[in-house]
Protein backbone atom coordinates (compact mmCIF):
# COMPACT_ATOMS: atom_id res chain seq x y z
CA UNK A 1 -13.71 22.47 -11.96
CA UNK A 2 -11.13 23.48 -14.85
CA UNK A 3 -11.82 26.02 -17.34
CA UNK A 4 -9.84 25.92 -20.60
CA UNK A 5 -8.81 28.15 -23.50
CA UNK A 6 -6.52 27.41 -26.53
CA UNK A 7 -3.52 28.77 -28.29
CA UNK A 8 -0.34 28.20 -29.71
CA UNK A 9 3.61 27.69 -29.06
CA UNK A 10 5.95 28.30 -32.15
CA UNK A 11 8.56 25.84 -33.18
CA UNK A 12 9.86 27.24 -36.61
CA UNK A 13 6.95 28.03 -38.90
CA UNK A 14 4.88 24.98 -37.09
CA UNK A 15 2.16 26.13 -34.27
CA UNK A 16 1.69 23.52 -32.00
CA UNK A 17 -1.51 23.71 -30.23
CA UNK A 18 -1.35 24.49 -26.25
CA UNK A 19 -4.19 23.86 -23.92
CA UNK A 20 -4.32 26.96 -21.32
CA UNK A 21 -6.12 25.48 -17.89
CA UNK A 22 -7.34 27.40 -15.42
CA UNK A 23 -7.94 26.04 -11.84
CA UNK A 24 -9.37 28.13 -8.81
CA UNK A 25 -8.61 26.28 -5.35
CA UNK A 26 -8.80 27.11 -1.79
CA UNK A 27 -5.69 28.30 0.22
CA UNK A 28 -3.86 31.72 -0.03
CA UNK A 29 -4.47 34.02 -2.52
CA UNK A 30 -1.86 33.64 -5.04
CA UNK A 31 -1.53 33.65 -9.14
CA UNK A 32 0.85 31.18 -10.63
CA UNK A 33 1.62 29.98 -14.13
CA UNK A 34 3.50 26.72 -15.01
CA UNK A 35 4.12 24.56 -17.76
CA UNK A 36 7.64 25.64 -18.91
CA UNK A 37 6.99 29.40 -19.66
CA UNK A 38 9.65 32.12 -20.10
CA UNK A 39 9.91 35.45 -18.79
CA UNK A 40 7.29 37.00 -21.09
CA UNK A 41 4.69 34.26 -20.18
CA UNK A 42 5.30 34.33 -16.41
CA UNK A 43 4.80 38.29 -16.32
CA UNK A 44 1.48 37.76 -18.04
CA UNK A 45 -0.13 37.53 -14.46
CA UNK A 46 0.57 41.00 -13.79
CA UNK A 47 -0.64 42.13 -17.06
CA UNK A 48 -3.88 40.04 -16.97
CA UNK A 49 -4.51 41.26 -13.38
CA UNK A 50 -4.10 45.18 -14.85
CA UNK A 51 -6.24 44.52 -17.45
CA UNK A 52 -9.33 42.93 -15.96
CA UNK A 53 -8.64 45.55 -13.09
CA UNK A 54 -9.39 48.03 -15.90
CA UNK A 55 -12.55 46.48 -16.52
CA UNK A 56 -13.66 46.68 -12.94
CA UNK A 57 -13.54 42.77 -12.65
CA UNK A 58 -11.78 41.74 -9.46
CA UNK A 59 -9.75 38.36 -9.12
CA UNK A 60 -11.51 36.09 -6.80
CA UNK A 61 -9.26 35.54 -3.06
CA UNK A 62 -8.28 31.92 -4.01
CA UNK A 63 -5.27 30.23 -5.38
CA UNK A 64 -5.20 30.66 -9.08
CA UNK A 65 -3.08 28.04 -10.92
CA UNK A 66 -2.48 28.35 -14.72
CA UNK A 67 -0.83 25.64 -16.36
CA UNK A 68 0.22 25.33 -20.09
CA UNK A 69 -0.28 21.79 -21.58
CA UNK A 70 1.75 20.01 -22.84
CA UNK A 71 3.86 21.19 -20.02
CA UNK A 72 7.40 19.75 -21.63
CA UNK A 73 6.92 22.17 -24.55
CA UNK A 74 8.87 25.57 -24.14
CA UNK A 75 6.41 28.46 -23.90
CA UNK A 76 7.93 31.76 -25.24
CA UNK A 77 6.15 35.22 -26.13
CA UNK A 78 3.87 37.47 -24.89
CA UNK A 79 0.85 36.24 -26.76
CA UNK A 80 -0.17 33.94 -24.09
CA UNK A 81 -1.70 36.99 -22.32
CA UNK A 82 -5.14 36.62 -24.11
CA UNK A 83 -5.62 32.94 -23.71
CA UNK A 84 -4.54 33.27 -20.05
CA UNK A 85 -7.27 35.82 -19.39
CA UNK A 86 -9.91 33.79 -21.61
CA UNK A 87 -9.52 30.82 -19.28
CA UNK A 88 -9.28 32.80 -16.06
CA UNK A 89 -12.71 34.57 -17.26
CA UNK A 90 -14.15 31.47 -17.91
CA UNK A 91 -13.20 29.97 -14.61
CA UNK A 92 -15.08 32.81 -12.58
CA UNK A 93 -17.92 32.24 -14.96
CA UNK A 94 -17.84 36.05 -16.72
CA UNK A 95 -17.61 34.04 -20.06
CA UNK A 96 -19.52 30.60 -20.75
CA UNK A 97 -16.75 27.71 -20.41
CA UNK A 98 -17.63 26.39 -23.72
CA UNK A 99 -17.07 29.76 -25.60
CA UNK A 100 -13.28 29.78 -24.83
CA UNK A 101 -12.74 26.05 -25.99
CA UNK A 102 -13.92 27.05 -29.63
CA UNK A 103 -11.15 29.55 -30.46
CA UNK A 104 -7.45 29.52 -30.65
CA UNK A 105 -6.54 32.92 -28.69
CA UNK A 106 -3.43 35.10 -29.20
CA UNK A 107 -2.52 38.52 -28.18
CA UNK A 108 -0.56 40.82 -25.64
CA UNK A 109 -2.51 42.71 -23.19
CA UNK A 110 -1.62 46.30 -22.01
CA UNK A 111 -2.44 47.40 -18.60
CA UNK A 112 -5.60 49.14 -20.00
CA UNK A 113 -6.93 46.25 -21.65
CA UNK A 114 -5.84 46.86 -24.98
CA UNK A 115 -4.79 44.21 -27.11
CA UNK A 116 -1.38 44.64 -29.06
CA UNK A 117 -0.64 42.82 -31.98
CA UNK A 118 1.90 39.82 -31.96
CA UNK A 119 4.00 37.99 -34.52
CA UNK A 120 2.61 34.63 -35.99
CA UNK A 121 -0.95 35.21 -36.43
CA UNK A 122 -1.06 33.58 -39.93
CA UNK A 123 0.37 30.16 -39.02
CA UNK A 124 -1.57 30.23 -36.06
CA UNK A 125 -4.74 30.65 -38.07
CA UNK A 126 -3.42 27.93 -40.05
CA UNK A 127 -3.50 25.85 -36.76
CA UNK A 128 -6.72 26.75 -35.73
CA UNK A 129 -8.23 25.74 -39.19
CA UNK A 130 -6.69 22.48 -38.82
CA UNK A 131 -8.35 22.16 -35.44
CA UNK A 132 -11.58 23.20 -36.54
CA UNK A 133 -11.50 26.23 -34.50
CA UNK A 134 -11.90 29.99 -34.84
CA UNK A 135 -9.02 32.72 -34.26
CA UNK A 136 -9.45 35.17 -31.63
CA UNK A 137 -6.23 38.05 -32.09
CA UNK A 138 -5.77 41.45 -31.58
CA UNK A 139 -7.66 43.81 -34.10
CA UNK A 140 -4.02 44.97 -35.88
CA UNK A 141 -3.35 41.30 -36.74
CA UNK A 142 -7.07 40.20 -38.10
CA UNK A 143 -6.40 41.11 -41.78
CA UNK A 144 -3.05 39.01 -41.71
CA UNK A 145 -5.09 36.01 -40.25
CA UNK A 146 -8.08 36.20 -42.03
CA UNK A 147 -6.13 35.36 -45.30
CA UNK A 148 -6.17 31.52 -44.23
CA UNK A 149 -9.93 31.80 -45.01
CA UNK A 150 -10.65 28.44 -43.42
CA UNK A 151 -10.92 29.70 -39.81
CA UNK A 152 -13.33 32.62 -38.79
CA UNK A 153 -10.88 35.52 -37.41
CA UNK A 154 -12.52 37.48 -34.75
CA UNK A 155 -10.38 40.43 -34.18
CA UNK A 156 -10.74 42.86 -31.22
CA UNK A 157 -9.17 46.09 -29.99
CA UNK A 158 -9.18 45.24 -26.21
CA UNK A 159 -10.24 42.97 -23.70
CA UNK A 160 -13.68 44.66 -23.22
CA UNK A 161 -14.38 44.03 -26.93
CA UNK A 162 -13.95 40.33 -26.40
CA UNK A 163 -16.32 40.18 -23.14
CA UNK A 164 -18.97 42.10 -24.66
CA UNK A 165 -18.69 39.63 -27.90
CA UNK A 166 -18.78 36.60 -26.56
CA UNK A 167 -21.52 37.68 -23.92
CA UNK A 168 -23.76 38.72 -26.98
CA UNK A 169 -23.85 42.46 -25.81
CA UNK A 170 -21.86 43.76 -29.04
CA UNK A 171 -20.86 40.92 -31.45
CA UNK A 172 -17.83 41.77 -33.63
CA UNK A 173 -17.66 40.84 -37.70
CA UNK A 174 -15.28 38.58 -38.68
CA UNK A 175 -12.05 40.41 -39.85
CA UNK A 176 -11.43 40.45 -43.61
CA UNK A 177 -8.06 39.87 -45.52
CA UNK A 178 -5.90 42.76 -46.09
CA UNK A 179 -5.17 43.89 -49.49
CA UNK A 180 -2.27 42.27 -51.52
CA UNK A 181 0.55 44.66 -51.69
CA UNK A 182 1.59 45.87 -55.10
CA UNK A 183 5.14 46.09 -55.78
CA UNK A 184 6.43 49.36 -57.81
CA UNK A 185 9.20 48.48 -59.90
CA UNK A 186 11.11 51.25 -61.34
CA UNK A 187 14.22 49.45 -62.11
CA UNK A 188 14.99 48.09 -65.41
CA UNK A 189 17.49 46.18 -66.76
CA UNK A 190 17.78 47.96 -69.62
CA UNK A 191 19.25 50.96 -67.45
CA UNK A 192 22.45 48.81 -67.37
CA UNK A 193 24.71 49.66 -70.18
CA UNK A 194 26.24 46.70 -71.70
CA UNK A 195 26.99 43.60 -69.43
CA UNK A 196 24.81 41.46 -72.02
CA UNK A 197 26.29 37.98 -70.89
CA UNK A 198 25.51 39.01 -67.39
CA UNK A 199 22.00 39.82 -68.12
CA UNK A 200 21.49 36.49 -69.97
CA UNK A 201 22.98 34.82 -66.92
CA UNK A 202 20.34 36.49 -64.72
CA UNK A 203 17.62 35.46 -67.01
CA UNK A 204 18.66 31.76 -67.21
CA UNK A 205 19.24 32.02 -63.25
CA UNK A 206 15.66 33.62 -62.81
CA UNK A 207 13.84 31.08 -65.16
CA UNK A 208 15.10 27.89 -63.15
CA UNK A 209 15.98 29.03 -59.86
CA UNK A 210 19.75 28.72 -60.35
CA UNK A 211 22.49 30.20 -58.12
CA UNK A 212 24.66 32.57 -59.55
CA UNK A 213 28.18 34.16 -59.12
CA UNK A 214 29.14 37.54 -60.45
CA UNK A 215 32.80 38.20 -60.19
CA UNK A 216 34.32 41.72 -61.53
CA UNK A 217 36.03 45.08 -60.46
CA UNK A 218 34.44 47.59 -58.42
CA UNK A 219 31.92 49.70 -60.29
CA UNK A 220 31.54 47.25 -63.02
CA UNK A 221 27.81 46.77 -62.13
CA UNK A 222 27.33 43.86 -60.15
CA UNK A 223 24.88 45.16 -57.55
CA UNK A 224 23.09 47.24 -59.97
CA UNK A 225 22.43 44.14 -61.91
CA UNK A 226 21.35 42.08 -59.04
CA UNK A 227 19.05 45.03 -57.83
CA UNK A 228 17.12 44.84 -61.22
CA UNK A 229 16.52 41.10 -60.81
CA UNK A 230 13.41 41.43 -58.79
CA UNK A 231 12.13 43.14 -62.20
CA UNK A 232 12.09 39.73 -63.97
CA UNK A 233 10.76 37.27 -61.56
CA UNK A 234 7.48 36.02 -61.90
CA UNK A 235 4.69 36.72 -58.99
CA UNK A 236 4.51 34.30 -56.23
CA UNK A 237 1.69 31.78 -56.54
CA UNK A 238 -0.79 31.43 -54.14
CA UNK A 239 0.71 28.58 -52.23
CA UNK A 240 4.02 30.24 -52.24
CA UNK A 241 2.79 33.69 -51.00
CA UNK A 242 1.30 31.88 -48.00
CA UNK A 243 4.39 29.75 -47.41
CA UNK A 244 6.38 32.71 -47.60
CA UNK A 245 4.18 35.01 -45.41
CA UNK A 246 4.09 32.37 -42.37
CA UNK A 247 7.56 33.15 -42.02
CA UNK A 248 7.52 36.78 -42.45
CA UNK A 249 4.55 36.85 -39.84
CA UNK A 250 6.79 34.91 -37.32
CA UNK A 251 9.57 37.53 -37.97
CA UNK A 252 7.11 40.40 -37.90
CA UNK A 253 7.82 41.70 -41.18
CA UNK A 254 3.94 41.59 -42.58
CA UNK A 255 2.85 45.31 -42.81
CA UNK A 256 -1.07 45.93 -42.27
CA UNK A 257 -2.38 42.50 -43.03
CA UNK A 258 -1.17 42.63 -46.75
CA UNK A 259 0.01 39.62 -48.43
CA UNK A 260 2.79 40.38 -51.04
CA UNK A 261 2.82 38.53 -54.27
CA UNK A 262 6.41 40.05 -54.75
CA UNK A 263 9.20 37.23 -54.50
CA UNK A 264 11.46 38.30 -51.44
CA UNK A 265 14.90 39.88 -52.00
CA UNK A 266 17.34 39.95 -49.22
CA UNK A 267 20.62 41.27 -48.91
CA UNK A 268 22.28 41.12 -45.67
CA UNK A 269 25.64 42.80 -44.99
CA UNK A 270 28.81 40.88 -45.11
CA UNK A 271 29.42 41.41 -41.44
CA UNK A 272 26.04 39.44 -40.59
CA UNK A 273 26.41 36.87 -37.92
CA UNK A 274 25.65 33.26 -38.45
CA UNK A 275 22.48 33.54 -36.48
CA UNK A 276 21.19 36.54 -38.70
CA UNK A 277 22.08 34.50 -41.80
CA UNK A 278 21.06 30.84 -40.94
CA UNK A 279 18.46 31.64 -38.23
CA UNK A 280 18.65 31.19 -34.13
CA UNK A 281 19.36 33.65 -31.54
CA UNK A 282 16.69 34.34 -28.88
CA UNK A 283 13.75 32.31 -29.82
CA UNK A 284 15.43 30.55 -32.78
CA UNK A 285 13.87 33.00 -35.12
CA UNK A 286 14.22 32.56 -38.91
CA UNK A 287 17.64 33.88 -40.51
CA UNK A 288 18.13 35.48 -44.14
CA UNK A 289 17.74 31.84 -46.00
CA UNK A 290 14.31 31.57 -44.51
CA UNK A 291 13.52 35.21 -45.13
CA UNK A 292 14.37 34.83 -48.66
CA UNK A 293 12.24 31.59 -49.18
CA UNK A 294 10.86 31.34 -52.49
CA UNK A 295 13.07 34.57 -53.61
CA UNK A 296 16.34 36.01 -53.88
CA UNK A 297 19.51 35.97 -51.29
CA UNK A 298 21.92 38.45 -52.66
CA UNK A 299 24.98 38.23 -50.96
CA UNK A 300 27.44 41.29 -51.98
CA UNK A 301 31.23 41.05 -51.19
CA UNK A 302 30.70 37.39 -50.91
CA UNK A 303 34.44 36.20 -49.87
CA UNK A 304 34.15 38.92 -47.00
CA UNK A 305 31.66 36.92 -44.98
CA UNK A 306 32.79 34.91 -41.98
CA UNK A 307 34.07 31.18 -43.53
CA UNK A 308 31.52 29.47 -40.96
CA UNK A 309 28.71 31.60 -42.01
CA UNK A 310 29.46 30.78 -45.68
CA UNK A 311 30.09 26.95 -45.30
CA UNK A 312 26.77 26.75 -43.27
CA UNK A 313 25.09 27.69 -46.53
CA UNK A 314 26.02 24.58 -48.05
CA UNK A 315 23.16 21.97 -46.85
CA UNK A 316 20.36 24.79 -47.20
CA UNK A 317 21.28 25.08 -50.65
CA UNK A 318 21.13 21.25 -51.37
CA UNK A 319 18.13 20.52 -49.18
CA UNK A 320 15.73 23.70 -48.94
CA UNK A 321 15.55 23.59 -45.46
CA UNK A 322 17.52 24.31 -42.35
CA UNK A 323 17.39 23.00 -38.85
CA UNK A 324 18.26 24.79 -35.98
CA UNK A 325 19.44 22.60 -33.33
CA UNK A 326 19.14 23.85 -29.58
CA UNK A 327 19.14 21.69 -26.30
CA UNK A 328 15.37 21.45 -25.78
CA UNK A 329 14.37 21.57 -29.39
CA UNK A 330 15.17 21.21 -33.06
CA UNK A 331 13.29 24.01 -35.19
CA UNK A 332 13.00 23.74 -39.03
CA UNK A 333 12.62 26.38 -41.35
CA UNK A 334 12.13 26.01 -45.23
CA UNK A 335 14.65 27.91 -47.22
CA UNK A 336 14.26 27.19 -51.06
CA UNK A 337 15.92 30.75 -52.14
CA UNK A 338 18.12 31.42 -55.15
CA UNK A 339 21.59 32.74 -54.17
CA UNK A 340 23.12 35.50 -56.39
CA UNK A 341 26.69 36.16 -55.04
CA UNK A 342 28.87 39.26 -56.05
CA UNK A 343 32.72 39.49 -55.27
CA UNK A 344 35.52 41.15 -56.68
CA UNK A 345 38.22 39.15 -58.31
CA UNK A 346 40.96 40.06 -55.51
CA UNK A 347 41.35 42.55 -52.39
CA UNK A 348 42.25 45.36 -54.33
CA UNK A 349 39.69 44.46 -57.03
CA UNK A 350 41.86 45.01 -59.91
CA UNK A 351 43.49 41.89 -60.50
CA UNK A 352 42.79 42.17 -64.54
CA UNK A 353 44.06 45.61 -64.72
CA UNK A 354 47.87 45.77 -64.44
CA UNK A 355 47.97 49.68 -64.30
CA UNK A 356 45.96 49.47 -60.98
CA UNK A 357 46.59 46.12 -59.44
CA UNK A 358 48.30 45.62 -56.52
CA UNK A 359 51.93 44.24 -56.02
CA UNK A 360 50.93 40.95 -54.68
CA UNK A 361 48.80 40.13 -58.20
CA UNK A 362 47.97 37.48 -59.39
CA UNK A 363 48.55 35.96 -55.81
CA UNK A 364 46.02 38.28 -54.01
CA UNK A 365 43.60 36.73 -56.52
CA UNK A 366 44.05 33.12 -55.52
CA UNK A 367 44.19 34.01 -51.83
CA UNK A 368 40.92 36.10 -51.94
CA UNK A 369 38.81 33.99 -53.86
CA UNK A 370 40.02 30.81 -51.80
CA UNK A 371 37.96 32.34 -48.97
CA UNK A 372 35.04 30.33 -51.14
CA UNK A 373 35.69 26.81 -50.52
CA UNK A 374 35.63 24.35 -53.55
CA UNK A 375 32.13 22.64 -52.37
CA UNK A 376 30.56 25.72 -52.09
CA UNK A 377 31.84 27.26 -55.19
CA UNK A 378 30.50 23.93 -57.03
CA UNK A 379 27.10 24.84 -55.93
CA UNK A 380 27.01 27.69 -57.87
CA UNK A 381 25.05 26.78 -61.52
CA UNK A 382 26.07 29.72 -63.17
CA UNK A 383 29.29 31.99 -62.91
CA UNK A 384 29.63 35.13 -65.04
CA UNK A 385 32.28 37.68 -65.27
CA UNK A 386 31.50 41.67 -65.02
CA UNK A 387 34.28 43.50 -67.04
CA UNK A 388 34.59 47.13 -66.61
CA UNK A 389 32.29 49.63 -68.53
CA UNK A 390 34.47 52.48 -70.17
CA UNK A 391 33.02 56.02 -69.16
CA UNK A 392 32.89 56.34 -73.00
CA UNK A 393 30.22 53.74 -73.25
CA UNK A 394 27.77 55.26 -70.31
CA UNK A 395 26.46 58.04 -73.36
CA UNK A 396 25.48 55.34 -75.47
CA UNK A 397 21.79 54.27 -76.34
CA UNK A 398 20.55 51.36 -73.96
CA UNK A 399 20.86 47.96 -75.57
CA UNK A 400 19.19 44.60 -74.87
CA UNK A 401 15.72 43.70 -73.89
CA UNK A 402 13.59 45.41 -71.28
CA UNK A 403 12.89 43.73 -67.79
CA UNK A 404 9.43 43.31 -68.88
CA UNK A 405 10.32 41.43 -72.03
CA UNK A 406 12.59 39.20 -70.34
CA UNK A 407 10.05 38.76 -67.80
CA UNK A 408 7.80 37.52 -69.96
CA UNK A 409 10.32 34.88 -71.25
CA UNK A 410 10.98 34.04 -67.62
CA UNK A 411 7.36 33.52 -66.76
CA UNK A 412 6.87 31.15 -69.78
CA UNK A 413 9.40 28.95 -69.09
CA UNK A 414 8.40 28.98 -65.48
CA UNK A 415 5.02 27.60 -66.61
CA UNK A 416 6.59 25.00 -68.58
CA UNK A 417 8.28 23.62 -65.47
CA UNK A 418 5.12 23.65 -63.28
CA UNK A 419 3.64 22.00 -65.82
CA UNK A 420 6.42 19.43 -66.32
CA UNK A 421 6.64 18.57 -62.71
CA UNK A 422 2.86 18.53 -61.33
CA UNK A 423 1.65 20.22 -58.36
CA UNK A 424 2.35 17.04 -55.98
CA UNK A 425 5.76 16.46 -57.07
CA UNK A 426 7.43 18.61 -54.80
CA UNK A 427 9.44 20.21 -57.38
CA UNK A 428 8.49 23.60 -58.76
CA UNK A 429 11.95 24.28 -61.03
CA UNK A 430 14.42 22.64 -62.84
CA UNK A 431 17.06 23.30 -59.87
CA UNK A 432 14.68 21.00 -57.89
CA UNK A 433 15.09 17.94 -60.21
CA UNK A 434 17.55 15.25 -59.31
CA UNK A 435 17.80 11.59 -59.70
CA UNK A 436 15.22 9.75 -62.17
CA UNK A 437 13.07 13.16 -62.62
CA UNK A 438 16.35 14.94 -63.97
CA UNK A 439 17.19 11.85 -66.35
CA UNK A 440 13.44 11.97 -67.65
CA UNK A 441 13.48 15.97 -68.54
CA UNK A 442 17.43 16.18 -69.49
CA UNK A 443 17.45 13.67 -72.18
CA UNK A 444 20.57 14.56 -74.29
CA UNK A 445 21.08 13.84 -78.27
CA UNK A 446 24.38 11.43 -78.85
CA UNK A 447 26.09 14.89 -80.21
CA UNK A 448 25.10 16.20 -76.98
CA UNK A 449 25.96 13.45 -74.43
CA UNK A 450 29.63 13.25 -76.39
CA UNK A 451 30.16 16.69 -75.93
CA UNK A 452 29.33 16.28 -71.86
CA UNK A 453 31.43 13.64 -71.39
CA UNK A 454 34.46 15.41 -73.10
CA UNK A 455 34.13 18.38 -70.57
CA UNK A 456 33.57 16.06 -67.75
CA UNK A 457 36.81 14.35 -68.32
CA UNK A 458 38.82 17.26 -69.62
CA UNK A 459 37.67 19.52 -66.27
CA UNK A 460 37.25 16.71 -63.85
CA UNK A 461 33.59 17.80 -62.95
CA UNK A 462 32.03 16.65 -60.01
CA UNK A 463 28.55 14.49 -60.42
CA UNK A 464 27.07 17.57 -58.87
CA UNK A 465 28.56 19.73 -61.56
CA UNK A 466 27.38 17.29 -64.34
CA UNK A 467 23.86 17.32 -63.10
CA UNK A 468 23.92 21.32 -62.71
CA UNK A 469 25.07 21.69 -66.23
CA UNK A 470 22.02 19.26 -67.51
CA UNK A 471 19.67 21.45 -65.22
CA UNK A 472 20.89 24.72 -66.75
CA UNK A 473 20.65 23.39 -70.37
CA UNK A 474 17.16 22.28 -69.50
CA UNK A 475 16.25 25.90 -68.50
CA UNK A 476 17.97 27.34 -71.55
CA UNK A 477 15.84 25.19 -73.77
CA UNK A 478 12.61 26.09 -71.68
CA UNK A 479 13.30 29.83 -72.69
CA UNK A 480 13.86 29.12 -76.05
CA UNK A 481 10.32 27.10 -75.94
CA UNK A 482 12.19 24.01 -77.04
CA UNK A 483 11.22 20.64 -76.08
CA UNK A 484 14.55 18.90 -76.16
CA UNK A 485 18.04 19.87 -75.32
CA UNK A 486 19.89 20.95 -78.42
CA UNK A 487 23.81 20.90 -78.47
CA UNK A 488 23.85 24.84 -78.21
CA UNK A 489 21.91 25.06 -75.25
CA UNK A 490 24.05 22.35 -73.68
CA UNK A 491 27.47 24.32 -74.80
CA UNK A 492 26.07 27.64 -73.49
CA UNK A 493 25.47 25.82 -69.91
CA UNK A 494 28.89 24.64 -70.03
CA UNK A 495 30.21 27.82 -70.60
CA UNK A 496 28.70 29.40 -67.89
CA UNK A 497 30.02 26.54 -65.60
CA UNK A 498 33.74 26.47 -66.79
CA UNK A 499 34.89 29.53 -65.58
CA UNK A 500 34.16 28.20 -61.96
CA UNK A 501 37.37 27.69 -60.04
CA UNK A 502 37.79 24.86 -57.79
CA UNK A 503 35.46 22.61 -59.58
CA UNK A 504 35.11 19.55 -57.15
């Protein structure tokens, strides 16, 4: 007789169902786990044995074989402890056999039987709901998993609670979702003195999810501007929050089961490796581009990143997903992010100031910005120069709109785009529009078409550059609540594009 329990193995954000089979047979006493387990899964036999001993449950003097099916799917992580224990308890008839088959279980066991929280409870709950099963998980992971809503989540503190629940001695109440985390945003764009053109570029980028490059001397306020970008971004929709939280669940970034409606803002250091930015490493974990899904990836000192790291950004920017290829698996993560990059104009940073520039100016500027390839530079929708602010201007009164005022305009523009594209189109913002969809929403007047034709011919715009100008112009029109793209909207979009060097 074979007892069964169910769990999941993670491949990216996909949770694939795994059947845990337990068979007791005659022969010398042994405890073996087969089915392509990694080291953490193989060590589960010792943790399970100790946890059962803490409940005064002795393993039978028989040969115990645990098979993780499908056998060709790699099994990684300590969350297989609990389903292995469930299958074993069913095999020795402490738990009814049909009980273990009605839930998807995951959790790590301590030697005293306590259940330790693991990553991935949210995608596991999604898989359980699709399979029409409940979810059994550690108590600390229950609030996170309960957000799915379509699957009953039982969260237990220890293995003893699991046994008492399923034998009817002390049933556990289903877990409740954690509270929505509220972000306290104290940074306001009005704190930034001057830089009105850069603020305008941030507003356009936020409204249409456009990629932005800021270039300016050290101390001109690039990082200060970027740090205030979250204050004008609209909150995540329910669907976006669930998408983003599934990735953060796999990375262990969800705290106390609370789902955040605040858009991610990731700012990796320029020494970060390719695996840290794109994803990979042990267990093919999500990288910064995926952790910034539906949010912002801010890359300061952009030319200082390793050249291979920068070049690998090109495909994720275009496709909105990243494929991590391994010998035994291909793992896919979503990564629709807004890239905001900041750079100095040259190595010393003072290219435009003859009194402070180094002796290699202007060649040092060409060499430094040359670290950003033409194809990558072509993917920035907006490029803005951030000039230095005189110290005498710092005592002047604040100018420009507050973040709250700008956020209202951005939210209104995003609502217009959501209504324009619809829920089932796969497009949420103007930056997603392409092909026939772009031609339909970005209709130009004869005057606008002639202007764009002159710009394309004069500056040798690529097809990508041509379409990105149309997308930005559409966003500017949305911010003005204009149904049509007027010539001023197009001219402003062109002005943010023409300062891009190496337009390919």
